[in-house]
Amino acid sequence: MVSVAVLVIITTIALVNNSRFGGTILVTNLAYDIALSMRQAQVFGLSVKEVTPGGGEFQAGYGVHFANSTPTTYILFADRNFNLRYDGASENIEIYTISRGNRINAFCATLPSEVEKCAPDIGILDIVFERPNPDALFATDILTDTYGAARVVVRSPQGIEKTISVSSTGQISVTE
């Protein structure tokens, strides 16, 4: 009976830790997927990527769009009119859906004065890369502000968070 009790306790501990480990892996993968989407926008912005195959449109910038109203999706888009903003479905390249209970928990943009503005004060965040610059350009729904960096925080159902940071120089990183 003691042996069975010890086995049950060890099995329970292993299962609880396995669930937490699985949640950590999933949110880490999500953070790297978002960072990869940002890097893809940067590469598209640097290269001569045709917006619509056969359309002859090569000069668009590319970006990633986040919105408070959709915490389980984000959009890779082509900035066709060079306004550094996502203007709707006509600019969509790909819509990414976040699953398994994970979500975009927050996003913030940093002013040159190092003051950070975060959701819900800002309702959207667009990170854009325009040809021929590898530098990131940031836009929110506060049209009068200029930003020097941004970060996106993703969260798992278990409360594990990862942060994707983008600097104005185009550096993209994932941290705890």
Foldseek 3Di string as FASTA:
>chain_A
DVVVVVVVVVVVVVVVVVVVVVLVVLQVVVLVVVLVLQVVLLVLQQDQDAQDVVPPRGFWKWKKKDFPVQFFKIFIFTRRPPPLDDDDDVGGPDMDGHDPQKTFPKKWFAAPVRDIDIPPVFGMWMWIHHPNASFTFIDTPPHVTGGFKMKIWMAHPVGDIKIWIAGRNNDTDIGD
